[in-house]
Amino acid sequence: MGTLTSNIHSALISFYQPTKERFKILIEKKAFPSDHYAVVSHLHSRGIDPEIGLLTVAPRPGEQTLRTEDIIKAIKEDNQIAVVMLSGVQYYTGQFFEMEKITKAGHEAGCIVGWDLAHAVGNVPLKLHDWDVDFACWCSYKYLNSGAGGIAGLFIHERYKDDFNRPRYAGWWGNRKENRFEMLPEFQPSEGASGYQMSNPSILTTISLLGSLQVFEAAGGIEKLRQKSYLITGYLEKLLLTELKKEFDDELIKILTPNDPEQRGCQLSLEFPEKMMQVFEALQSIGIIVDERKPTVIRVAPAPLYNSYKDVYNFVINLKKTMKQVYAK
């Protein structure tokens, strides 16, 4: 339903209920900007100064990724936190957070815990119900293959399915199916996440998503793909370390993503402190499609559903050639 950011708004209007005692929202530092904007807009709408109401947890000095213990410490040390909202997989670094452990810590501290799963869905196994996640939102144009603007998703934990008094933005498509077309003046929400729908979804984007999910199913599902992901991303990492490290030092290229396979999906974020855009554009010019994120990162993600080990090998060999050309200038 909807889009990622609109679903975040739908979740926050329902789950962010600030009080005098609890009114802060915790996110990771350098979260995806749209998440940041959404959170700040909810603070403003409730009359809360973001300088006071927005907390961020950052990596330690000299480190690029977050430690789980630091996230949990930030949650436990501030009893004014109402909502913890983090990324399942961090868009810039590719770090896969320990969602179950963090969710448990948030609940023990009395917080609502929600997740942005834009870079996690279709990439890593997710057990949102079992992990006791309160809400989660995602789009479908990363690993679910929809392309920009495809239909998004919203998860609301089952324990809230009958909580019809919880505030929400209502729309006719969220009304109970049994009487939706009776056009009654009083909104009667469907159970669970269905009751958060607003408008009739696009048939084309819905059917496109179905087609993609059927391919996932035919490939054996996310658990099987995850096993290939361990191998193919590990292969990418190994080649980068052997083929590039012997010719280029950390001043030119560095892997930001954790080297622990359990703390990442298929994405490796490569940092180029100098001439990142030149490297990116040179790769594009020879038909290699990667992704840049300013100021210094190129994201490389061998998707196990369709990328091959040969793709990975060819990428690394061509990256080495490209870097020699760019840095020789």
C-alpha atoms as a PDB file:
ATOM      1  CA  MET A   1       0.000   0.000   0.000  1.00  0.00           C
ATOM      2  CA  GLY A   2       1.034   3.597  -0.535  1.00  0.00           C
ATOM      3  CA  THR A   3       4.673   4.627  -0.647  1.00  0.00           C
ATOM      4  CA  LEU A   4       7.423   4.182   1.904  1.00  0.00           C
ATOM      5  CA  THR A   5       7.328   7.680   3.353  1.00  0.00           C
ATOM      6  CA  SER A   6       3.536   7.914   3.332  1.00  0.00           C
ATOM      7  CA  ASN A   7       3.435   4.614   5.216  1.00  0.00           C
ATOM      8  CA  ILE A   8       5.930   5.965   7.750  1.00  0.00           C
ATOM      9  CA  HIS A   9       3.598   8.916   8.273  1.00  0.00           C
ATOM     10  CA  SER A  10       0.642   6.545   8.700  1.00  0.00           C
ATOM     11  CA  ALA A  11       2.564   4.525  11.279  1.00  0.00           C
ATOM     12  CA  LEU A  12       3.842   7.533  13.206  1.00  0.00           C
ATOM     13  CA  ILE A  13       0.453   9.246  13.445  1.00  0.00           C
ATOM     14  CA  SER A  14      -0.741   6.052  15.093  1.00  0.00           C
ATOM     15  CA  PHE A  15       2.235   4.967  17.180  1.00  0.00           C
ATOM     16  CA  TYR A  16       3.919   8.233  18.109  1.00  0.00           C
ATOM     17  CA  GLN A  17       1.764   9.424  20.986  1.00  0.00           C
ATOM     18  CA  PRO A  18       3.973  11.821  22.955  1.00  0.00           C
ATOM     19  CA  THR A  19       3.372  12.573  26.612  1.00  0.00           C
ATOM     20  CA  LYS A  20       5.109  14.902  29.050  1.00  0.00           C
ATOM     21  CA  GLU A  21       7.201  11.949  30.173  1.00  0.00           C
ATOM     22  CA  ARG A  22       7.899  10.348  26.775  1.00  0.00           C
ATOM     23  CA  PHE A  23       8.114  12.486  23.658  1.00  0.00           C
ATOM     24  CA  LYS A  24      11.444  11.771  21.922  1.00  0.00           C
ATOM     25  CA  ILE A  25      12.109   9.780  18.752  1.00  0.00           C
ATOM     26  CA  LEU A  26      15.416   7.949  18.276  1.00  0.00           C
ATOM     27  CA  ILE A  27      16.853   7.382  14.784  1.00  0.00           C
ATOM     28  CA  GLU A  28      20.325   6.566  13.496  1.00  0.00           C
ATOM     29  CA  LYS A  29      22.593   9.455  12.546  1.00  0.00           C
ATOM     30  CA  LYS A  30      22.587   9.921   8.764  1.00  0.00           C
ATOM     31  CA  ALA A  31      19.346   7.997   8.372  1.00  0.00           C
ATOM     32  CA  PHE A  32      17.805   8.134   4.916  1.00  0.00           C
ATOM     33  CA  PRO A  33      16.759  11.799   4.558  1.00  0.00           C
ATOM     34  CA  SER A  34      13.076  11.061   3.920  1.00  0.00           C
ATOM     35  CA  ASP A  35      12.885   9.218   7.257  1.00  0.00           C
ATOM     36  CA  HIS A  36      14.517  12.177   8.960  1.00  0.00           C
ATOM     37  CA  TYR A  37      12.099  14.621   7.322  1.00  0.00           C
ATOM     38  CA  ALA A  38       9.100  12.507   8.310  1.00  0.00           C
ATOM     39  CA  VAL A  39      10.171  12.246  11.936  1.00  0.00           C
ATOM     40  CA  VAL A  40      10.902  15.970  12.206  1.00  0.00           C
ATOM     41  CA  SER A  41       7.526  16.797  10.659  1.00  0.00           C
ATOM     42  CA  HIS A  42       5.767  14.727  13.333  1.00  0.00           C
ATOM     43  CA  LEU A  43       7.692  16.468  16.077  1.00  0.00           C
ATOM     44  CA  HIS A  44       6.720  19.844  14.626  1.00  0.00           C
ATOM     45  CA  SER A  45       3.077  18.796  14.262  1.00  0.00           C
ATOM     46  CA  ARG A  46       2.937  17.938  17.974  1.00  0.00           C
ATOM     47  CA  GLY A  47       4.592  21.211  18.978  1.00  0.00           C
ATOM     48  CA  ILE A  48       7.896  19.602  19.930  1.00  0.00           C
ATOM     49  CA  ASP A  49      11.204  21.259  19.067  1.00  0.00           C
ATOM     50  CA  PRO A  50      13.315  18.749  17.079  1.00  0.00           C
ATOM     51  CA  GLU A  51      16.388  20.055  18.897  1.00  0.00           C
ATOM     52  CA  ILE A  52      14.854  18.487  21.999  1.00  0.00           C
ATOM     53  CA  GLY A  53      12.664  15.714  20.612  1.00  0.00           C
ATOM     54  CA  LEU A  54      14.963  14.135  18.017  1.00  0.00           C
ATOM     55  CA  LEU A  55      17.750  11.851  19.227  1.00  0.00           C
ATOM     56  CA  THR A  56      20.356  10.300  16.960  1.00  0.00           C
ATOM     57  CA  VAL A  57      22.752   7.476  17.692  1.00  0.00           C
ATOM     58  CA  ALA A  58      26.067   7.676  15.856  1.00  0.00           C
ATOM     59  CA  PRO A  59      29.070   5.416  15.241  1.00  0.00           C
ATOM     60  CA  ARG A  60      31.996   5.768  17.583  1.00  0.00           C
ATOM     61  CA  PRO A  61      34.799   8.147  16.555  1.00  0.00           C
ATOM     62  CA  GLY A  62      36.837   6.588  13.766  1.00  0.00           C
ATOM     63  CA  GLU A  63      34.141   3.994  12.998  1.00  0.00           C
ATOM     64  CA  GLN A  64      31.656   3.956  10.137  1.00  0.00           C
ATOM     65  CA  THR A  65      28.949   1.625  11.428  1.00  0.00           C
ATOM     66  CA  LEU A  66      26.912   1.390  14.606  1.00  0.00           C
ATOM     67  CA  ARG A  67      27.484  -1.071  17.415  1.00  0.00           C
ATOM     68  CA  THR A  68      24.405  -2.809  18.752  1.00  0.00           C
ATOM     69  CA  GLU A  69      25.488  -2.156  22.319  1.00  0.00           C
ATOM     70  CA  ASP A  70      25.644   1.576  21.609  1.00  0.00           C
ATOM     71  CA  ILE A  71      22.113   1.585  20.196  1.00  0.00           C
ATOM     72  CA  ILE A  72      20.815  -0.302  23.229  1.00  0.00           C
ATOM     73  CA  LYS A  73      22.721   2.001  25.569  1.00  0.00           C
ATOM     74  CA  ALA A  74      21.145   5.056  23.915  1.00  0.00           C
ATOM     75  CA  ILE A  75      17.701   3.507  24.381  1.00  0.00           C
ATOM     76  CA  LYS A  76      18.248   2.604  28.023  1.00  0.00           C
ATOM     77  CA  GLU A  77      19.865   5.871  29.068  1.00  0.00           C
ATOM     78  CA  ASP A  78      16.989   8.153  28.056  1.00  0.00           C
ATOM     79  CA  ASN A  79      13.601   7.356  29.585  1.00  0.00           C
ATOM     80  CA  GLN A  80      11.953  10.100  27.518  1.00  0.00           C
ATOM     81  CA  ILE A  81      12.110   8.094  24.277  1.00  0.00           C
ATOM     82  CA  ALA A  82       8.659   7.266  22.928  1.00  0.00           C
ATOM     83  CA  VAL A  83       9.594   5.705  19.569  1.00  0.00           C
ATOM     84  CA  VAL A  84      12.717   4.024  18.240  1.00  0.00           C
ATOM     85  CA  MET A  85      12.757   4.000  14.427  1.00  0.00           C
ATOM     86  CA  LEU A  86      15.803   2.623  12.656  1.00  0.00           C
ATOM     87  CA  SER A  87      16.699   1.150   9.282  1.00  0.00           C
ATOM     88  CA  GLY A  88      16.791  -2.623   8.983  1.00  0.00           C
ATOM     89  CA  VAL A  89      19.682  -2.280   6.539  1.00  0.00           C
ATOM     90  CA  GLN A  90      21.331   1.136   6.586  1.00  0.00           C
ATOM     91  CA  TYR A  91      21.096   2.669   3.132  1.00  0.00           C
ATOM     92  CA  TYR A  92      24.554   4.301   3.111  1.00  0.00           C
ATOM     93  CA  THR A  93      26.755   1.742   4.859  1.00  0.00           C
ATOM     94  CA  GLY A  94      24.819  -1.453   4.128  1.00  0.00           C
ATOM     95  CA  GLN A  95      24.863  -2.479   7.802  1.00  0.00           C
ATOM     96  CA  PHE A  96      22.155  -4.990   8.782  1.00  0.00           C
ATOM     97  CA  PHE A  97      21.096  -4.154  12.324  1.00  0.00           C
ATOM     98  CA  GLU A  98      20.295  -6.786  14.951  1.00  0.00           C
ATOM     99  CA  MET A  99      16.596  -6.094  14.735  1.00  0.00           C
ATOM    100  CA  GLU A 100      15.334  -8.658  17.218  1.00  0.00           C
ATOM    101  CA  LYS A 101      17.797  -7.646  19.936  1.00  0.00           C
ATOM    102  CA  ILE A 102      17.186  -3.917  19.443  1.00  0.00           C
ATOM    103  CA  THR A 103      13.404  -4.362  19.366  1.00  0.00           C
ATOM    104  CA  LYS A 104      13.525  -6.306  22.620  1.00  0.00           C
ATOM    105  CA  ALA A 105      15.664  -3.623  24.257  1.00  0.00           C
ATOM    106  CA  GLY A 106      13.274  -0.923  23.089  1.00  0.00           C
ATOM    107  CA  HIS A 107      10.272  -2.719  24.527  1.00  0.00           C
ATOM    108  CA  GLU A 108      12.043  -3.351  27.823  1.00  0.00           C
ATOM    109  CA  ALA A 109      12.632   0.402  28.024  1.00  0.00           C
ATOM    110  CA  GLY A 110       8.960   1.129  27.336  1.00  0.00           C
ATOM    111  CA  CYS A 111       9.383   2.302  23.724  1.00  0.00           C
ATOM    112  CA  ILE A 112       7.493   1.605  20.523  1.00  0.00           C
ATOM    113  CA  VAL A 113       9.911   0.161  17.944  1.00  0.00           C
ATOM    114  CA  GLY A 114       9.491   0.583  14.191  1.00  0.00           C
ATOM    115  CA  TRP A 115      11.719  -0.140  11.209  1.00  0.00           C
ATOM    116  CA  ASP A 116      12.350   1.205   7.714  1.00  0.00           C
ATOM    117  CA  LEU A 117      13.013  -1.928   5.674  1.00  0.00           C
ATOM    118  CA  ALA A 118      13.614  -0.344   2.267  1.00  0.00           C
ATOM    119  CA  HIS A 119      17.016  -2.019   1.899  1.00  0.00           C
ATOM    120  CA  ALA A 120      16.143  -5.132   3.902  1.00  0.00           C
ATOM    121  CA  VAL A 121      13.025  -6.544   2.236  1.00  0.00           C
ATOM    122  CA  GLY A 122      13.988  -9.022  -0.479  1.00  0.00           C
ATOM    123  CA  ASN A 123      17.572  -8.827   0.751  1.00  0.00           C
ATOM    124  CA  VAL A 124      17.629 -10.510   4.172  1.00  0.00           C
ATOM    125  CA  PRO A 125      15.183 -12.791   6.016  1.00  0.00           C
ATOM    126  CA  LEU A 126      12.703 -10.862   8.153  1.00  0.00           C
ATOM    127  CA  LYS A 127      10.567 -12.300  10.963  1.00  0.00           C
ATOM    128  CA  LEU A 128       8.721  -9.195  12.043  1.00  0.00           C
ATOM    129  CA  HIS A 129       5.986 -10.947  14.011  1.00  0.00           C
ATOM    130  CA  ASP A 130       8.391 -13.265  15.821  1.00  0.00           C
ATOM    131  CA  TRP A 131      10.752 -10.380  16.561  1.00  0.00           C
ATOM    132  CA  ASP A 132       7.817  -8.490  18.124  1.00  0.00           C
ATOM    133  CA  VAL A 133       8.241  -5.440  15.869  1.00  0.00           C
ATOM    134  CA  ASP A 134       5.480  -2.858  16.418  1.00  0.00           C
ATOM    135  CA  PHE A 135       5.481  -1.496  12.871  1.00  0.00           C
ATOM    136  CA  ALA A 136       7.623  -1.591   9.750  1.00  0.00           C
ATOM    137  CA  CYS A 137       7.504   0.087   6.349  1.00  0.00           C
ATOM    138  CA  TRP A 138       9.243  -0.640   3.073  1.00  0.00           C
ATOM    139  CA  CYS A 139       9.259   0.131  -0.631  1.00  0.00           C
ATOM    140  CA  SER A 140       9.570  -2.383  -3.462  1.00  0.00           C
ATOM    141  CA  TYR A 141      12.045  -0.702  -5.783  1.00  0.00           C
ATOM    142  CA  LYS A 142      15.260  -2.091  -4.367  1.00  0.00           C
ATOM    143  CA  TYR A 143      15.417  -5.867  -4.107  1.00  0.00           C
ATOM    144  CA  LEU A 144      11.755  -6.477  -4.975  1.00  0.00           C
ATOM    145  CA  ASN A 145      12.493  -5.157  -8.474  1.00  0.00           C
ATOM    146  CA  SER A 146       9.608  -2.748  -9.043  1.00  0.00           C
ATOM    147  CA  GLY A 147      11.445   0.348 -10.166  1.00  0.00           C
ATOM    148  CA  ALA A 148      10.890   3.795  -8.678  1.00  0.00           C
ATOM    149  CA  GLY A 149       7.370   4.544  -7.492  1.00  0.00           C
ATOM    150  CA  GLY A 150       6.255   0.932  -7.076  1.00  0.00           C
ATOM    151  CA  ILE A 151       3.787  -0.036  -4.382  1.00  0.00           C
ATOM    152  CA  ALA A 152       5.138  -0.094  -0.825  1.00  0.00           C
ATOM    153  CA  GLY A 153       4.356  -2.131   2.286  1.00  0.00           C
ATOM    154  CA  LEU A 154       3.274  -1.673   5.888  1.00  0.00           C
ATOM    155  CA  PHE A 155       3.457  -4.149   8.775  1.00  0.00           C
ATOM    156  CA  ILE A 156       1.483  -3.669  11.973  1.00  0.00           C
ATOM    157  CA  HIS A 157       1.956  -6.290  14.686  1.00  0.00           C
ATOM    158  CA  GLU A 158      -0.992  -8.602  15.219  1.00  0.00           C
ATOM    159  CA  ARG A 159      -1.475  -7.437  18.797  1.00  0.00           C
ATOM    160  CA  TYR A 160      -2.807  -4.155  17.411  1.00  0.00           C
ATOM    161  CA  LYS A 161      -5.225  -5.689  14.909  1.00  0.00           C
ATOM    162  CA  ASP A 162      -8.310  -4.852  17.009  1.00  0.00           C
ATOM    163  CA  ASP A 163      -7.000  -1.555  18.352  1.00  0.00           C
ATOM    164  CA  PHE A 164      -9.494   0.546  16.406  1.00  0.00           C
ATOM    165  CA  ASN A 165      -9.242   3.505  18.777  1.00  0.00           C
ATOM    166  CA  ARG A 166      -5.618   4.141  17.857  1.00  0.00           C
ATOM    167  CA  PRO A 167      -5.308   7.415  15.867  1.00  0.00           C
ATOM    168  CA  ARG A 168      -4.838   7.004  12.142  1.00  0.00           C
ATOM    169  CA  TYR A 169      -5.262   8.716   8.789  1.00  0.00           C
ATOM    170  CA  ALA A 170      -8.383   7.067   7.410  1.00  0.00           C
ATOM    171  CA  GLY A 171      -9.431   6.434   3.825  1.00  0.00           C
ATOM    172  CA  TRP A 172     -12.176   4.425   2.195  1.00  0.00           C
ATOM    173  CA  TRP A 173      -9.909   1.560   1.143  1.00  0.00           C
ATOM    174  CA  GLY A 174      -9.084   0.913   4.798  1.00  0.00           C
ATOM    175  CA  ASN A 175     -12.740   0.344   5.620  1.00  0.00           C
ATOM    176  CA  ARG A 176     -13.999  -3.196   6.236  1.00  0.00           C
ATOM    177  CA  LYS A 177     -14.472  -5.064   2.967  1.00  0.00           C
ATOM    178  CA  GLU A 178     -17.895  -6.225   4.072  1.00  0.00           C
ATOM    179  CA  ASN A 179     -19.395  -2.747   3.856  1.00  0.00           C
ATOM    180  CA  ARG A 180     -16.783  -0.708   1.990  1.00  0.00           C
ATOM    181  CA  PHE A 181     -19.088  -0.074  -0.949  1.00  0.00           C
ATOM    182  CA  GLU A 182     -22.040   0.873   1.208  1.00  0.00           C
ATOM    183  CA  MET A 183     -20.400   4.310   1.466  1.00  0.00           C
ATOM    184  CA  LEU A 184     -21.292   4.784   5.133  1.00  0.00           C
ATOM    185  CA  PRO A 185     -20.351   8.080   6.815  1.00  0.00           C
ATOM    186  CA  GLU A 186     -18.607   6.339   9.724  1.00  0.00           C
ATOM    187  CA  PHE A 187     -15.221   4.728   9.118  1.00  0.00           C
ATOM    188  CA  GLN A 188     -15.069   1.074  10.173  1.00  0.00           C
ATOM    189  CA  PRO A 189     -11.419   0.025   9.849  1.00  0.00           C
ATOM    190  CA  SER A 190     -10.306  -3.388   8.692  1.00  0.00           C
ATOM    191  CA  GLU A 191      -8.170  -5.387  11.083  1.00  0.00           C
ATOM    192  CA  GLY A 192      -4.428  -4.873  11.160  1.00  0.00           C
ATOM    193  CA  ALA A 193      -2.424  -3.082   8.491  1.00  0.00           C
ATOM    194  CA  SER A 194      -5.331  -3.315   6.041  1.00  0.00           C
ATOM    195  CA  GLY A 195      -7.134  -0.727   8.135  1.00  0.00           C
ATOM    196  CA  TYR A 196      -4.380   1.787   7.367  1.00  0.00           C
ATOM    197  CA  GLN A 197      -5.022   1.760   3.627  1.00  0.00           C
ATOM    198  CA  MET A 198      -6.357   5.009   2.218  1.00  0.00           C
ATOM    199  CA  SER A 199      -6.916   4.783  -1.516  1.00  0.00           C
ATOM    200  CA  ASN A 200      -7.415   2.063  -4.079  1.00  0.00           C
ATOM    201  CA  PRO A 201      -3.932   0.797  -5.023  1.00  0.00           C
ATOM    202  CA  SER A 202      -2.616   0.848  -8.576  1.00  0.00           C
ATOM    203  CA  ILE A 203      -3.448  -2.420 -10.303  1.00  0.00           C
ATOM    204  CA  LEU A 204      -0.348  -2.203 -12.505  1.00  0.00           C
ATOM    205  CA  THR A 205       2.108  -1.763  -9.628  1.00  0.00           C
ATOM    206  CA  THR A 206       0.357  -4.434  -7.561  1.00  0.00           C
ATOM    207  CA  ILE A 207       0.445  -7.006 -10.348  1.00  0.00           C
ATOM    208  CA  SER A 208       4.083  -6.133 -11.082  1.00  0.00           C
ATOM    209  CA  LEU A 209       4.971  -6.803  -7.458  1.00  0.00           C
ATOM    210  CA  LEU A 210       3.091 -10.095  -7.567  1.00  0.00           C
ATOM    211  CA  GLY A 211       5.122 -11.138 -10.605  1.00  0.00           C
ATOM    212  CA  SER A 212       8.368 -10.356  -8.809  1.00  0.00           C
ATOM    213  CA  LEU A 213       7.318 -12.233  -5.671  1.00  0.00           C
ATOM    214  CA  GLN A 214       6.427 -15.255  -7.781  1.00  0.00           C
ATOM    215  CA  VAL A 215       9.993 -15.263  -9.110  1.00  0.00           C
ATOM    216  CA  PHE A 216      11.290 -15.167  -5.525  1.00  0.00           C
ATOM    217  CA  GLU A 217       9.064 -18.125  -4.707  1.00  0.00           C
ATOM    218  CA  ALA A 218      10.241 -20.063  -7.754  1.00  0.00           C
ATOM    219  CA  ALA A 219      13.853 -19.442  -6.696  1.00  0.00           C
ATOM    220  CA  GLY A 220      13.193 -21.091  -3.326  1.00  0.00           C
ATOM    221  CA  GLY A 221      12.373 -18.061  -1.194  1.00  0.00           C
ATOM    222  CA  ILE A 222      14.434 -15.613   0.797  1.00  0.00           C
ATOM    223  CA  GLU A 223      16.134 -18.206   3.034  1.00  0.00           C
ATOM    224  CA  LYS A 224      17.625 -20.000   0.030  1.00  0.00           C
ATOM    225  CA  LEU A 225      18.601 -16.727  -1.620  1.00  0.00           C
ATOM    226  CA  ARG A 226      20.238 -15.621   1.608  1.00  0.00           C
ATOM    227  CA  GLN A 227      22.576 -18.605   1.416  1.00  0.00           C
ATOM    228  CA  LYS A 228      23.715 -17.539  -2.048  1.00  0.00           C
ATOM    229  CA  SER A 229      23.958 -13.956  -0.805  1.00  0.00           C
ATOM    230  CA  TYR A 230      26.475 -14.990   1.850  1.00  0.00           C
ATOM    231  CA  LEU A 231      28.600 -16.592  -0.849  1.00  0.00           C
ATOM    232  CA  ILE A 232      28.347 -14.070  -3.666  1.00  0.00           C
ATOM    233  CA  THR A 233      28.878 -11.013  -1.445  1.00  0.00           C
ATOM    234  CA  GLY A 234      31.710 -12.833   0.304  1.00  0.00           C
ATOM    235  CA  TYR A 235      33.209 -13.505  -3.123  1.00  0.00           C
ATOM    236  CA  LEU A 236      32.897  -9.815  -4.000  1.00  0.00           C
ATOM    237  CA  GLU A 237      34.588  -8.851  -0.739  1.00  0.00           C
ATOM    238  CA  LYS A 238      37.391 -11.370  -1.285  1.00  0.00           C
ATOM    239  CA  LEU A 239      38.086 -10.119  -4.807  1.00  0.00           C
ATOM    240  CA  LEU A 240      38.076  -6.498  -3.688  1.00  0.00           C
ATOM    241  CA  LEU A 241      40.567  -7.297  -0.948  1.00  0.00           C
ATOM    242  CA  THR A 242      42.858  -9.346  -3.175  1.00  0.00           C
ATOM    243  CA  GLU A 243      42.613  -7.553  -6.525  1.00  0.00           C
ATOM    244  CA  LEU A 244      42.431  -3.959  -5.315  1.00  0.00           C
ATOM    245  CA  LYS A 245      44.122  -3.812  -1.945  1.00  0.00           C
ATOM    246  CA  LYS A 246      47.449  -4.888  -3.408  1.00  0.00           C
ATOM    247  CA  GLU A 247      47.364  -1.906  -5.774  1.00  0.00           C
ATOM    248  CA  PHE A 248      45.363   0.762  -3.917  1.00  0.00           C
ATOM    249  CA  ASP A 249      45.491   1.753  -0.261  1.00  0.00           C
ATOM    250  CA  ASP A 250      42.697   2.911   2.048  1.00  0.00           C
ATOM    251  CA  GLU A 251      43.239   6.481   0.961  1.00  0.00           C
ATOM    252  CA  LEU A 252      41.649   5.576  -2.380  1.00  0.00           C
ATOM    253  CA  ILE A 253      39.136   2.814  -1.575  1.00  0.00           C
ATOM    254  CA  LYS A 254      37.690   1.315   1.589  1.00  0.00           C
ATOM    255  CA  ILE A 255      34.801  -1.060   2.344  1.00  0.00           C
ATOM    256  CA  LEU A 256      32.436   0.614   4.832  1.00  0.00           C
ATOM    257  CA  THR A 257      30.062  -2.327   5.223  1.00  0.00           C
ATOM    258  CA  PRO A 258      30.733  -4.741   8.127  1.00  0.00           C
ATOM    259  CA  ASN A 259      32.818  -7.776   7.201  1.00  0.00           C
ATOM    260  CA  ASP A 260      30.616 -10.009   9.377  1.00  0.00           C
ATOM    261  CA  PRO A 261      28.149 -11.629   6.914  1.00  0.00           C
ATOM    262  CA  GLU A 262      25.436 -11.570   9.603  1.00  0.00           C
ATOM    263  CA  GLN A 263      25.686  -7.785   9.784  1.00  0.00           C
ATOM    264  CA  ARG A 264      25.076  -7.116   6.102  1.00  0.00           C
ATOM    265  CA  GLY A 265      22.883  -8.098   3.190  1.00  0.00           C
ATOM    266  CA  CYS A 266      24.231  -8.292  -0.340  1.00  0.00           C
ATOM    267  CA  GLN A 267      25.345  -4.640  -0.477  1.00  0.00           C
ATOM    268  CA  LEU A 268      28.915  -3.510  -0.027  1.00  0.00           C
ATOM    269  CA  SER A 269      29.445   0.233   0.272  1.00  0.00           C
ATOM    270  CA  LEU A 270      32.768   1.259  -1.213  1.00  0.00           C
ATOM    271  CA  GLU A 271      34.179   4.567  -0.059  1.00  0.00           C
ATOM    272  CA  PHE A 272      36.232   6.621  -2.490  1.00  0.00           C
ATOM    273  CA  PRO A 273      37.489   9.655  -0.536  1.00  0.00           C
ATOM    274  CA  GLU A 274      38.745  11.164  -3.789  1.00  0.00           C
ATOM    275  CA  LYS A 275      37.218  11.209  -7.290  1.00  0.00           C
ATOM    276  CA  MET A 276      34.201   9.050  -6.460  1.00  0.00           C
ATOM    277  CA  MET A 277      32.070  10.583  -9.211  1.00  0.00           C
ATOM    278  CA  GLN A 278      34.809  10.084 -11.796  1.00  0.00           C
ATOM    279  CA  VAL A 279      35.001   6.395 -10.889  1.00  0.00           C
ATOM    280  CA  PHE A 280      31.210   6.092 -10.963  1.00  0.00           C
ATOM    281  CA  GLU A 281      30.845   7.802 -14.340  1.00  0.00           C
ATOM    282  CA  ALA A 282      33.680   5.766 -15.835  1.00  0.00           C
ATOM    283  CA  LEU A 283      31.971   2.535 -14.737  1.00  0.00           C
ATOM    284  CA  GLN A 284      28.698   3.722 -16.240  1.00  0.00           C
ATOM    285  CA  SER A 285      30.416   4.510 -19.529  1.00  0.00           C
ATOM    286  CA  ILE A 286      31.379   0.848 -19.931  1.00  0.00           C
ATOM    287  CA  GLY A 287      27.923  -0.437 -19.013  1.00  0.00           C
ATOM    288  CA  ILE A 288      28.460  -1.294 -15.343  1.00  0.00           C
ATOM    289  CA  ILE A 289      25.451  -0.246 -13.295  1.00  0.00           C
ATOM    290  CA  VAL A 290      26.238   0.602  -9.707  1.00  0.00           C
ATOM    291  CA  ASP A 291      24.889   3.331  -7.469  1.00  0.00           C
ATOM    292  CA  GLU A 292      26.480   6.452  -6.004  1.00  0.00           C
ATOM    293  CA  ARG A 293      25.621   8.168  -2.771  1.00  0.00           C
ATOM    294  CA  LYS A 294      27.315  11.454  -2.049  1.00  0.00           C
ATOM    295  CA  PRO A 295      29.695  12.395  -0.758  1.00  0.00           C
ATOM    296  CA  THR A 296      31.988   9.407  -1.224  1.00  0.00           C
ATOM    297  CA  VAL A 297      30.187   6.065  -1.613  1.00  0.00           C
ATOM    298  CA  ILE A 298      29.513   3.699  -4.490  1.00  0.00           C
ATOM    299  CA  ARG A 299      27.093   0.936  -3.516  1.00  0.00           C
ATOM    300  CA  VAL A 300      27.639  -2.467  -5.103  1.00  0.00           C
ATOM    301  CA  ALA A 301      24.961  -5.097  -4.544  1.00  0.00           C
ATOM    302  CA  PRO A 302      25.211  -8.502  -6.234  1.00  0.00           C
ATOM    303  CA  ALA A 303      21.574  -9.562  -5.929  1.00  0.00           C
ATOM    304  CA  PRO A 304      21.497 -13.350  -5.487  1.00  0.00           C
ATOM    305  CA  LEU A 305      18.250 -13.626  -7.439  1.00  0.00           C
ATOM    306  CA  TYR A 306      19.844 -12.715 -10.758  1.00  0.00           C
ATOM    307  CA  ASN A 307      23.532 -11.773 -10.452  1.00  0.00           C
ATOM    308  CA  SER A 308      26.211 -14.377 -11.106  1.00  0.00           C
ATOM    309  CA  TYR A 309      29.708 -14.930  -9.799  1.00  0.00           C
ATOM    310  CA  LYS A 310      30.939 -14.046 -13.278  1.00  0.00           C
ATOM    311  CA  ASP A 311      29.173 -10.689 -12.947  1.00  0.00           C
ATOM    312  CA  VAL A 312      31.062 -10.082  -9.716  1.00  0.00           C
ATOM    313  CA  TYR A 313      34.413 -11.075 -11.205  1.00  0.00           C
ATOM    314  CA  ASN A 314      33.916  -8.879 -14.263  1.00  0.00           C
ATOM    315  CA  PHE A 315      32.927  -5.955 -12.054  1.00  0.00           C
ATOM    316  CA  VAL A 316      36.048  -6.144  -9.897  1.00  0.00           C
ATOM    317  CA  ILE A 317      38.396  -6.516 -12.875  1.00  0.00           C
ATOM    318  CA  ASN A 318      36.798  -3.535 -14.594  1.00  0.00           C
ATOM    319  CA  LEU A 319      36.798  -1.513 -11.375  1.00  0.00           C
ATOM    320  CA  LYS A 320      40.536  -2.093 -11.077  1.00  0.00           C
ATOM    321  CA  LYS A 321      41.092  -0.938 -14.660  1.00  0.00           C
ATOM    322  CA  THR A 322      38.859   2.067 -14.099  1.00  0.00           C
ATOM    323  CA  MET A 323      40.645   3.104 -10.928  1.00  0.00           C
ATOM    324  CA  LYS A 324      44.013   2.890 -12.646  1.00  0.00           C
ATOM    325  CA  GLN A 325      42.727   5.216 -15.351  1.00  0.00           C
ATOM    326  CA  VAL A 326      41.050   7.675 -12.984  1.00  0.00           C
ATOM    327  CA  TYR A 327      43.845   7.925 -10.436  1.00  0.00           C
ATOM    328  CA  ALA A 328      46.590   8.080 -13.064  1.00  0.00           C
ATOM    329  CA  LYS A 329      45.251  11.482 -14.150  1.00  0.00           C
END
